[in-house]
Amino acid sequence: MIPSDHFVRFYNEVFKFLDTRGLLHAYFDDVARYAASRNLEKFKKGGLQAVYDHYLVIRKEENCDLDLEFGDGELHSYMRKCPSLSKVLDNDASASPSYCQHCPGWSLPVSTAAGLYEVYDLMEPDQPHCESWLYDDADRAVKKYRELIETVPVSRAKTNIPPALLEEA
């Protein structure tokens, strides 16, 4: 079995390799299909509560310093210290510039298919923390996205909100 420290460093290099060949997003699509096969029906049926329950398990399994707030149609997560990116940064190789894309790379397609709207603030790839908000109401997600891009560079914001909804006044 490969230790997690080695595995994380390995897939960081895989991300770099795939990114230079224009294949990284195709890889994330494959991961999203796998995640959907395990979680989509659960998320469709259980909505935000099912996603919250999933993240409780992830927080424990991956030993994340992850704050979760759930209620009133919103699931807010704040990753205080990403264990994966922390391991990448704790070596002599640089993080893939697209490293942090792996989370929205799988979760945005699954959220979309489940009828949920997600907004990410990915921070920077040299800072092992990020923040996201998940809604079952598109209007609330649009409002959060607009608030976010007023305070951070738009390059840090990721979402699955349909572009037509973002263009409406």
N, C-alpha and C. Protein backbone atom coordinates (compact mmCIF):
# COMPACT_ATOMS: atom_id res chain seq x y z
N MET A 1 0.85 -1.18 0.00
CA MET A 1 0.00 0.00 0.00
C MET A 1 0.89 1.24 0.00
N ILE A 2 0.54 2.22 -0.81
CA ILE A 2 1.31 3.45 -0.89
C ILE A 2 0.86 4.40 0.23
N PRO A 3 1.79 4.95 1.01
CA PRO A 3 1.42 5.88 2.07
C PRO A 3 0.80 7.15 1.48
N SER A 4 -0.12 7.76 2.23
CA SER A 4 -0.83 8.93 1.71
C SER A 4 0.11 10.07 1.36
N ASP A 5 1.20 10.24 2.11
CA ASP A 5 2.15 11.31 1.79
C ASP A 5 2.70 11.13 0.37
N HIS A 6 3.02 9.90 0.01
CA HIS A 6 3.56 9.61 -1.32
C HIS A 6 2.49 9.71 -2.39
N PHE A 7 1.28 9.22 -2.06
CA PHE A 7 0.19 9.25 -3.03
C PHE A 7 -0.17 10.68 -3.42
N VAL A 8 -0.31 11.56 -2.44
CA VAL A 8 -0.67 12.95 -2.71
C VAL A 8 0.40 13.62 -3.56
N ARG A 9 1.64 13.39 -3.24
CA ARG A 9 2.72 13.96 -4.05
C ARG A 9 2.70 13.39 -5.47
N PHE A 10 2.38 12.12 -5.58
CA PHE A 10 2.29 11.49 -6.90
C PHE A 10 1.18 12.13 -7.72
N TYR A 11 -0.02 12.25 -7.15
CA TYR A 11 -1.08 12.79 -8.01
C TYR A 11 -0.92 14.27 -8.27
N ASN A 12 -0.18 15.00 -7.44
CA ASN A 12 0.19 16.37 -7.77
C ASN A 12 1.00 16.39 -9.07
N GLU A 13 1.93 15.46 -9.19
CA GLU A 13 2.74 15.38 -10.42
C GLU A 13 1.90 14.91 -11.60
N VAL A 14 0.94 14.01 -11.33
CA VAL A 14 0.02 13.59 -12.39
C VAL A 14 -0.80 14.78 -12.87
N PHE A 15 -1.28 15.61 -11.94
CA PHE A 15 -2.03 16.81 -12.33
C PHE A 15 -1.18 17.69 -13.24
N LYS A 16 0.09 17.90 -12.88
CA LYS A 16 0.98 18.72 -13.71
C LYS A 16 1.13 18.12 -15.11
N PHE A 17 1.36 16.82 -15.15
CA PHE A 17 1.54 16.12 -16.42
C PHE A 17 0.30 16.25 -17.29
N LEU A 18 -0.86 15.94 -16.73
CA LEU A 18 -2.10 16.01 -17.50
C LEU A 18 -2.41 17.44 -17.94
N ASP A 19 -2.14 18.40 -17.07
CA ASP A 19 -2.42 19.79 -17.38
C ASP A 19 -1.59 20.27 -18.57
N THR A 20 -0.33 19.86 -18.65
CA THR A 20 0.51 20.28 -19.77
C THR A 20 0.03 19.69 -21.10
N ARG A 21 -0.76 18.64 -21.02
CA ARG A 21 -1.27 17.99 -22.23
C ARG A 21 -2.75 18.30 -22.48
N GLY A 22 -3.30 19.21 -21.67
CA GLY A 22 -4.70 19.59 -21.85
C GLY A 22 -5.69 18.51 -21.46
N LEU A 23 -5.27 17.59 -20.60
CA LEU A 23 -6.11 16.45 -20.23
C LEU A 23 -6.62 16.48 -18.80
N LEU A 24 -6.25 17.50 -18.04
CA LEU A 24 -6.61 17.51 -16.62
C LEU A 24 -8.12 17.56 -16.40
N HIS A 25 -8.81 18.37 -17.17
CA HIS A 25 -10.26 18.47 -16.96
C HIS A 25 -10.97 17.18 -17.38
N ALA A 26 -10.43 16.49 -18.35
CA ALA A 26 -11.00 15.18 -18.71
C ALA A 26 -10.82 14.19 -17.56
N TYR A 27 -9.68 14.27 -16.90
CA TYR A 27 -9.43 13.43 -15.72
C TYR A 27 -10.44 13.77 -14.61
N PHE A 28 -10.63 15.08 -14.35
CA PHE A 28 -11.60 15.48 -13.33
C PHE A 28 -13.00 14.99 -13.70
N ASP A 29 -13.34 15.00 -14.99
CA ASP A 29 -14.64 14.48 -15.43
C ASP A 29 -14.78 13.01 -15.08
N ASP A 30 -13.70 12.24 -15.25
CA ASP A 30 -13.73 10.82 -14.88
C ASP A 30 -13.93 10.65 -13.38
N VAL A 31 -13.24 11.47 -12.59
CA VAL A 31 -13.41 11.41 -11.13
C VAL A 31 -14.85 11.78 -10.77
N ALA A 32 -15.41 12.76 -11.45
CA ALA A 32 -16.80 13.17 -11.19
C ALA A 32 -17.77 12.03 -11.50
N ARG A 33 -17.53 11.30 -12.59
CA ARG A 33 -18.39 10.16 -12.91
C ARG A 33 -18.31 9.10 -11.81
N TYR A 34 -17.12 8.85 -11.30
CA TYR A 34 -16.98 7.90 -10.21
C TYR A 34 -17.70 8.40 -8.96
N ALA A 35 -17.51 9.68 -8.62
CA ALA A 35 -18.18 10.25 -7.45
C ALA A 35 -19.70 10.19 -7.61
N ALA A 36 -20.18 10.44 -8.81
CA ALA A 36 -21.62 10.36 -9.07
C ALA A 36 -22.13 8.94 -8.88
N SER A 37 -21.35 7.97 -9.31
CA SER A 37 -21.78 6.58 -9.17
C SER A 37 -21.94 6.19 -7.70
N ARG A 38 -21.20 6.85 -6.84
CA ARG A 38 -21.26 6.55 -5.40
C ARG A 38 -22.24 7.44 -4.65
N ASN A 39 -22.48 8.67 -5.14
CA ASN A 39 -23.20 9.65 -4.32
C ASN A 39 -24.41 10.31 -4.95
N LEU A 40 -24.54 10.30 -6.26
CA LEU A 40 -25.56 11.12 -6.91
C LEU A 40 -26.98 10.81 -6.43
N GLU A 41 -27.35 9.55 -6.42
CA GLU A 41 -28.72 9.22 -6.00
C GLU A 41 -28.98 9.65 -4.56
N LYS A 42 -27.99 9.46 -3.73
CA LYS A 42 -28.10 9.88 -2.33
C LYS A 42 -28.29 11.39 -2.24
N PHE A 43 -27.54 12.15 -3.02
CA PHE A 43 -27.63 13.62 -2.99
C PHE A 43 -28.96 14.09 -3.59
N LYS A 44 -29.43 13.43 -4.66
CA LYS A 44 -30.72 13.79 -5.25
C LYS A 44 -31.85 13.58 -4.25
N LYS A 45 -31.81 12.45 -3.59
CA LYS A 45 -32.88 12.10 -2.66
C LYS A 45 -32.80 12.91 -1.37
N GLY A 46 -31.61 13.07 -0.83
CA GLY A 46 -31.45 13.69 0.48
C GLY A 46 -31.06 15.15 0.46
N GLY A 47 -30.73 15.69 -0.72
CA GLY A 47 -30.41 17.11 -0.84
C GLY A 47 -29.23 17.52 0.03
N LEU A 48 -29.32 18.73 0.53
CA LEU A 48 -28.22 19.30 1.33
C LEU A 48 -27.89 18.45 2.55
N GLN A 49 -28.91 17.85 3.16
CA GLN A 49 -28.66 17.00 4.33
C GLN A 49 -27.75 15.83 3.97
N ALA A 50 -27.98 15.22 2.82
CA ALA A 50 -27.15 14.09 2.39
C ALA A 50 -25.71 14.54 2.11
N VAL A 51 -25.56 15.72 1.52
CA VAL A 51 -24.21 16.23 1.27
C VAL A 51 -23.51 16.54 2.58
N TYR A 52 -24.24 17.14 3.51
CA TYR A 52 -23.69 17.43 4.84
C TYR A 52 -23.23 16.13 5.52
N ASP A 53 -24.07 15.11 5.49
CA ASP A 53 -23.71 13.82 6.09
C ASP A 53 -22.46 13.24 5.42
N HIS A 54 -22.36 13.39 4.09
CA HIS A 54 -21.20 12.92 3.35
C HIS A 54 -19.93 13.65 3.83
N TYR A 55 -20.02 14.96 3.98
CA TYR A 55 -18.85 15.73 4.40
C TYR A 55 -18.44 15.44 5.84
N LEU A 56 -19.40 15.04 6.67
CA LEU A 56 -19.03 14.62 8.03
C LEU A 56 -18.12 13.39 7.98
N VAL A 57 -18.45 12.47 7.08
CA VAL A 57 -17.63 11.26 6.91
C VAL A 57 -16.26 11.64 6.33
N ILE A 58 -16.26 12.48 5.30
CA ILE A 58 -15.01 12.91 4.67
C ILE A 58 -14.10 13.61 5.68
N ARG A 59 -14.70 14.47 6.50
CA ARG A 59 -13.91 15.19 7.50
C ARG A 59 -13.15 14.22 8.40
N LYS A 60 -13.81 13.15 8.78
CA LYS A 60 -13.16 12.15 9.65
C LYS A 60 -12.16 11.30 8.85
N GLU A 61 -12.58 10.77 7.72
CA GLU A 61 -11.72 9.88 6.93
C GLU A 61 -10.44 10.55 6.46
N GLU A 62 -10.55 11.81 6.06
CA GLU A 62 -9.38 12.49 5.50
C GLU A 62 -8.67 13.37 6.53
N ASN A 63 -9.14 13.30 7.77
CA ASN A 63 -8.52 14.07 8.85
C ASN A 63 -8.41 15.55 8.50
N CYS A 64 -9.53 16.10 8.05
CA CYS A 64 -9.57 17.50 7.61
C CYS A 64 -9.84 18.42 8.79
N ASP A 65 -9.23 19.58 8.74
CA ASP A 65 -9.60 20.66 9.65
C ASP A 65 -10.68 21.44 8.91
N LEU A 66 -11.90 20.91 8.96
CA LEU A 66 -13.02 21.38 8.16
C LEU A 66 -14.16 21.80 9.06
N ASP A 67 -14.56 23.07 8.94
CA ASP A 67 -15.75 23.56 9.64
C ASP A 67 -16.94 23.44 8.71
N LEU A 68 -18.04 22.94 9.23
CA LEU A 68 -19.27 22.80 8.47
C LEU A 68 -20.40 23.50 9.21
N GLU A 69 -21.15 24.31 8.50
CA GLU A 69 -22.34 24.96 9.04
C GLU A 69 -23.49 24.62 8.10
N PHE A 70 -24.54 24.04 8.66
CA PHE A 70 -25.66 23.59 7.84
C PHE A 70 -26.96 24.09 8.45
N GLY A 71 -27.77 24.72 7.61
CA GLY A 71 -29.09 25.15 8.05
C GLY A 71 -29.65 26.20 7.11
N ASP A 72 -30.93 26.35 7.16
CA ASP A 72 -31.64 27.38 6.40
C ASP A 72 -31.28 27.35 4.91
N GLY A 73 -31.23 26.14 4.34
CA GLY A 73 -31.01 26.01 2.90
C GLY A 73 -29.60 26.27 2.43
N GLU A 74 -28.63 26.23 3.35
CA GLU A 74 -27.24 26.49 2.98
C GLU A 74 -26.32 25.52 3.72
N LEU A 75 -25.34 25.02 2.98
CA LEU A 75 -24.25 24.25 3.58
C LEU A 75 -22.97 25.01 3.30
N HIS A 76 -22.37 25.52 4.36
CA HIS A 76 -21.14 26.29 4.24
C HIS A 76 -20.00 25.44 4.77
N SER A 77 -18.95 25.30 3.98
CA SER A 77 -17.78 24.56 4.45
C SER A 77 -16.56 25.47 4.36
N TYR A 78 -15.76 25.38 5.40
CA TYR A 78 -14.51 26.13 5.42
C TYR A 78 -13.40 25.16 5.75
N MET A 79 -12.58 24.88 4.76
CA MET A 79 -11.44 23.98 4.94
C MET A 79 -10.30 24.81 5.51
N ARG A 80 -10.09 24.69 6.81
CA ARG A 80 -9.04 25.47 7.47
C ARG A 80 -7.65 25.01 7.06
N LYS A 81 -7.51 23.71 6.89
CA LYS A 81 -6.22 23.17 6.46
C LYS A 81 -6.48 21.90 5.66
N CYS A 82 -6.30 22.02 4.38
CA CYS A 82 -6.49 20.88 3.50
C CYS A 82 -5.35 19.89 3.72
N PRO A 83 -5.65 18.67 4.14
CA PRO A 83 -4.57 17.72 4.39
C PRO A 83 -3.83 17.34 3.11
N SER A 84 -4.54 17.32 2.01
CA SER A 84 -3.93 16.94 0.74
C SER A 84 -2.94 18.01 0.27
N LEU A 85 -3.39 19.25 0.14
CA LEU A 85 -2.50 20.31 -0.32
C LEU A 85 -1.38 20.55 0.68
N SER A 86 -1.65 20.40 1.95
CA SER A 86 -0.60 20.57 2.96
C SER A 86 0.55 19.59 2.73
N LYS A 87 0.21 18.36 2.38
CA LYS A 87 1.25 17.36 2.10
C LYS A 87 2.03 17.71 0.85
N VAL A 88 1.34 18.24 -0.15
CA VAL A 88 2.03 18.65 -1.38
C VAL A 88 3.01 19.77 -1.07
N LEU A 89 2.58 20.73 -0.28
CA LEU A 89 3.43 21.88 0.02
C LEU A 89 4.58 21.54 0.96
N ASP A 90 4.45 20.41 1.64
CA ASP A 90 5.48 19.98 2.60
C ASP A 90 6.50 19.08 1.91
N ASN A 91 6.94 19.48 0.74
CA ASN A 91 7.99 18.73 0.06
C ASN A 91 8.75 19.70 -0.84
N ASP A 92 9.65 19.20 -1.61
CA ASP A 92 10.50 20.07 -2.42
C ASP A 92 9.95 20.33 -3.82
N ALA A 93 8.74 19.88 -4.11
CA ALA A 93 8.13 20.12 -5.41
C ALA A 93 7.02 21.15 -5.26
N SER A 94 6.80 21.93 -6.27
CA SER A 94 5.74 22.93 -6.20
C SER A 94 4.39 22.28 -6.50
N ALA A 95 3.35 22.90 -5.97
CA ALA A 95 2.00 22.40 -6.23
C ALA A 95 1.61 22.71 -7.67
N SER A 96 0.87 21.83 -8.26
CA SER A 96 0.30 22.09 -9.58
C SER A 96 -0.53 23.37 -9.49
N PRO A 97 -0.41 24.27 -10.46
CA PRO A 97 -1.25 25.48 -10.43
C PRO A 97 -2.74 25.16 -10.42
N SER A 98 -3.10 23.97 -10.89
CA SER A 98 -4.50 23.56 -10.93
C SER A 98 -4.86 22.60 -9.80
N TYR A 99 -3.98 22.46 -8.82
CA TYR A 99 -4.18 21.46 -7.77
C TYR A 99 -5.55 21.57 -7.11
N CYS A 100 -5.91 22.78 -6.72
CA CYS A 100 -7.17 22.98 -5.98
C CYS A 100 -8.41 22.76 -6.83
N GLN A 101 -8.22 22.62 -8.13
CA GLN A 101 -9.36 22.36 -9.01
C GLN A 101 -9.93 20.95 -8.84
N HIS A 102 -9.19 20.07 -8.14
CA HIS A 102 -9.70 18.71 -8.05
C HIS A 102 -10.98 18.61 -7.23
N CYS A 103 -11.16 19.46 -6.24
CA CYS A 103 -12.41 19.41 -5.47
C CYS A 103 -13.61 19.87 -6.30
N PRO A 104 -13.60 21.10 -6.85
CA PRO A 104 -14.74 21.46 -7.71
C PRO A 104 -14.79 20.62 -8.98
N GLY A 105 -13.67 20.07 -9.37
CA GLY A 105 -13.64 19.21 -10.56
C GLY A 105 -14.55 18.02 -10.44
N TRP A 106 -14.68 17.47 -9.24
CA TRP A 106 -15.62 16.35 -9.06
C TRP A 106 -16.94 16.82 -8.49
N SER A 107 -16.93 17.81 -7.59
CA SER A 107 -18.16 18.15 -6.89
C SER A 107 -19.13 18.99 -7.71
N LEU A 108 -18.63 19.90 -8.56
CA LEU A 108 -19.56 20.73 -9.34
C LEU A 108 -20.44 19.89 -10.27
N PRO A 109 -19.88 18.93 -11.03
CA PRO A 109 -20.76 18.11 -11.87
C PRO A 109 -21.77 17.28 -11.07
N VAL A 110 -21.36 16.78 -9.93
CA VAL A 110 -22.26 15.98 -9.11
C VAL A 110 -23.35 16.87 -8.52
N SER A 111 -22.97 18.05 -8.03
CA SER A 111 -23.97 18.99 -7.50
C SER A 111 -24.96 19.39 -8.58
N THR A 112 -24.46 19.67 -9.77
CA THR A 112 -25.33 20.04 -10.89
C THR A 112 -26.35 18.94 -11.15
N ALA A 113 -25.87 17.72 -11.25
CA ALA A 113 -26.77 16.59 -11.53
C ALA A 113 -27.77 16.36 -10.39
N ALA A 114 -27.40 16.75 -9.18
CA ALA A 114 -28.29 16.59 -8.03
C ALA A 114 -29.25 17.77 -7.86
N GLY A 115 -29.11 18.79 -8.71
CA GLY A 115 -29.98 19.95 -8.61
C GLY A 115 -29.56 20.94 -7.54
N LEU A 116 -28.27 20.92 -7.20
CA LEU A 116 -27.74 21.82 -6.18
C LEU A 116 -26.79 22.82 -6.83
N TYR A 117 -26.62 23.96 -6.15
CA TYR A 117 -25.79 25.04 -6.67
C TYR A 117 -24.65 25.30 -5.71
N GLU A 118 -23.44 25.30 -6.26
CA GLU A 118 -22.24 25.38 -5.42
C GLU A 118 -21.41 26.60 -5.82
N VAL A 119 -20.85 27.26 -4.80
CA VAL A 119 -19.99 28.41 -5.00
C VAL A 119 -18.71 28.15 -4.21
N TYR A 120 -17.57 28.26 -4.87
CA TYR A 120 -16.27 28.02 -4.24
C TYR A 120 -15.43 29.29 -4.22
N ASP A 121 -14.69 29.47 -3.14
CA ASP A 121 -13.57 30.41 -3.10
C ASP A 121 -12.34 29.53 -2.89
N LEU A 122 -11.55 29.37 -3.95
CA LEU A 122 -10.43 28.43 -3.89
C LEU A 122 -9.15 29.01 -3.31
N MET A 123 -9.16 30.26 -2.91
CA MET A 123 -7.97 30.89 -2.35
C MET A 123 -6.84 30.80 -3.38
N GLU A 124 -5.68 30.35 -2.95
CA GLU A 124 -4.52 30.24 -3.85
C GLU A 124 -3.90 28.86 -3.65
N PRO A 125 -3.22 28.31 -4.68
CA PRO A 125 -2.68 26.95 -4.54
C PRO A 125 -1.49 26.84 -3.59
N ASP A 126 -1.03 27.95 -3.03
CA ASP A 126 0.02 27.87 -2.02
C ASP A 126 -0.55 28.07 -0.61
N GLN A 127 -1.87 28.12 -0.51
CA GLN A 127 -2.55 28.28 0.78
C GLN A 127 -3.51 27.10 0.96
N PRO A 128 -3.23 26.22 1.88
CA PRO A 128 -4.04 24.99 1.99
C PRO A 128 -5.38 25.19 2.69
N HIS A 129 -6.17 26.13 2.19
CA HIS A 129 -7.52 26.29 2.70
C HIS A 129 -8.43 26.83 1.61
N CYS A 130 -9.73 26.60 1.75
CA CYS A 130 -10.71 27.09 0.79
C CYS A 130 -12.06 27.15 1.49
N GLU A 131 -13.04 27.64 0.75
CA GLU A 131 -14.36 27.82 1.32
C GLU A 131 -15.40 27.55 0.24
N SER A 132 -16.53 26.98 0.63
CA SER A 132 -17.59 26.76 -0.34
C SER A 132 -18.95 26.88 0.32
N TRP A 133 -19.93 27.16 -0.53
CA TRP A 133 -21.32 27.28 -0.11
C TRP A 133 -22.15 26.46 -1.08
N LEU A 134 -23.10 25.73 -0.55
CA LEU A 134 -23.96 24.87 -1.37
C LEU A 134 -25.41 25.20 -1.05
N TYR A 135 -26.22 25.33 -2.10
CA TYR A 135 -27.61 25.72 -1.97
C TYR A 135 -28.50 24.82 -2.81
N ASP A 136 -29.77 24.75 -2.39
CA ASP A 136 -30.76 24.10 -3.24
C ASP A 136 -31.61 25.15 -3.96
N ASP A 137 -31.29 26.41 -3.78
CA ASP A 137 -32.00 27.53 -4.39
C ASP A 137 -31.02 28.35 -5.24
N ALA A 138 -31.30 28.45 -6.54
CA ALA A 138 -30.39 29.14 -7.45
C ALA A 138 -30.23 30.61 -7.11
N ASP A 139 -31.30 31.28 -6.70
CA ASP A 139 -31.21 32.70 -6.40
C ASP A 139 -30.25 32.99 -5.25
N ARG A 140 -30.28 32.14 -4.24
CA ARG A 140 -29.35 32.32 -3.11
C ARG A 140 -27.91 32.07 -3.55
N ALA A 141 -27.72 31.10 -4.41
CA ALA A 141 -26.37 30.82 -4.92
C ALA A 141 -25.85 31.98 -5.76
N VAL A 142 -26.70 32.55 -6.60
CA VAL A 142 -26.30 33.69 -7.42
C VAL A 142 -25.92 34.86 -6.52
N LYS A 143 -26.71 35.10 -5.50
CA LYS A 143 -26.41 36.20 -4.57
C LYS A 143 -25.04 35.98 -3.92
N LYS A 144 -24.77 34.77 -3.45
CA LYS A 144 -23.48 34.46 -2.82
C LYS A 144 -22.34 34.63 -3.81
N TYR A 145 -22.52 34.14 -5.02
CA TYR A 145 -21.47 34.26 -6.04
C TYR A 145 -21.15 35.73 -6.30
N ARG A 146 -22.18 36.53 -6.45
CA ARG A 146 -21.96 37.96 -6.70
C ARG A 146 -21.25 38.63 -5.52
N GLU A 147 -21.64 38.27 -4.31
CA GLU A 147 -20.96 38.81 -3.12
C GLU A 147 -19.48 38.41 -3.14
N LEU A 148 -19.22 37.17 -3.48
CA LEU A 148 -17.85 36.66 -3.47
C LEU A 148 -16.98 37.40 -4.48
N ILE A 149 -17.46 37.56 -5.70
CA ILE A 149 -16.61 38.18 -6.73
C ILE A 149 -16.44 39.69 -6.52
N GLU A 150 -17.18 40.26 -5.59
CA GLU A 150 -16.94 41.66 -5.22
C GLU A 150 -15.75 41.77 -4.27
N THR A 151 -15.37 40.67 -3.64
CA THR A 151 -14.33 40.72 -2.60
C THR A 151 -13.06 39.95 -2.94
N VAL A 152 -13.12 39.06 -3.93
CA VAL A 152 -11.94 38.27 -4.32
C VAL A 152 -11.79 38.30 -5.83
N PRO A 153 -10.59 38.01 -6.34
CA PRO A 153 -10.43 37.92 -7.80
C PRO A 153 -11.37 36.85 -8.36
N VAL A 154 -12.00 37.15 -9.48
CA VAL A 154 -12.95 36.22 -10.06
C VAL A 154 -12.31 34.87 -10.38
N SER A 155 -11.00 34.83 -10.56
CA SER A 155 -10.31 33.57 -10.85
C SER A 155 -10.39 32.59 -9.67
N ARG A 156 -10.62 33.11 -8.47
CA ARG A 156 -10.75 32.23 -7.30
C ARG A 156 -12.14 31.65 -7.16
N ALA A 157 -13.13 32.24 -7.81
CA ALA A 157 -14.52 31.82 -7.67
C ALA A 157 -14.86 30.75 -8.71
N LYS A 158 -15.41 29.66 -8.25
CA LYS A 158 -15.87 28.59 -9.13
C LYS A 158 -17.31 28.29 -8.78
N THR A 159 -18.12 28.00 -9.79
CA THR A 159 -19.52 27.70 -9.53
C THR A 159 -20.10 26.85 -10.65
N ASN A 160 -21.22 26.23 -10.36
CA ASN A 160 -21.97 25.48 -11.37
C ASN A 160 -23.28 26.20 -11.72
N ILE A 161 -23.42 27.45 -11.30
CA ILE A 161 -24.61 28.22 -11.63
C ILE A 161 -24.64 28.43 -13.14
N PRO A 162 -25.76 28.15 -13.79
CA PRO A 162 -25.83 28.36 -15.24
C PRO A 162 -25.51 29.82 -15.60
N PRO A 163 -24.68 30.03 -16.62
CA PRO A 163 -24.29 31.40 -17.00
C PRO A 163 -25.47 32.35 -17.21
N ALA A 164 -26.57 31.84 -17.76
CA ALA A 164 -27.73 32.70 -17.99
C ALA A 164 -28.25 33.30 -16.68
N LEU A 165 -28.18 32.56 -15.59
CA LEU A 165 -28.64 33.08 -14.30
C LEU A 165 -27.68 34.14 -13.76
N LEU A 166 -26.39 34.00 -14.08
CA LEU A 166 -25.41 34.98 -13.61
C LEU A 166 -25.51 36.28 -14.40
N GLU A 167 -26.00 36.19 -15.63
CA GLU A 167 -26.10 37.38 -16.48
C GLU A 167 -27.33 38.21 -16.17
N GLU A 168 -28.34 37.62 -15.55
CA GLU A 168 -29.56 38.37 -15.24
C GLU A 168 -29.26 39.46 -14.23
N ALA A 169 -29.95 40.55 -14.38
CA ALA A 169 -29.74 41.69 -13.45
C ALA A 169 -30.44 41.49 -12.13
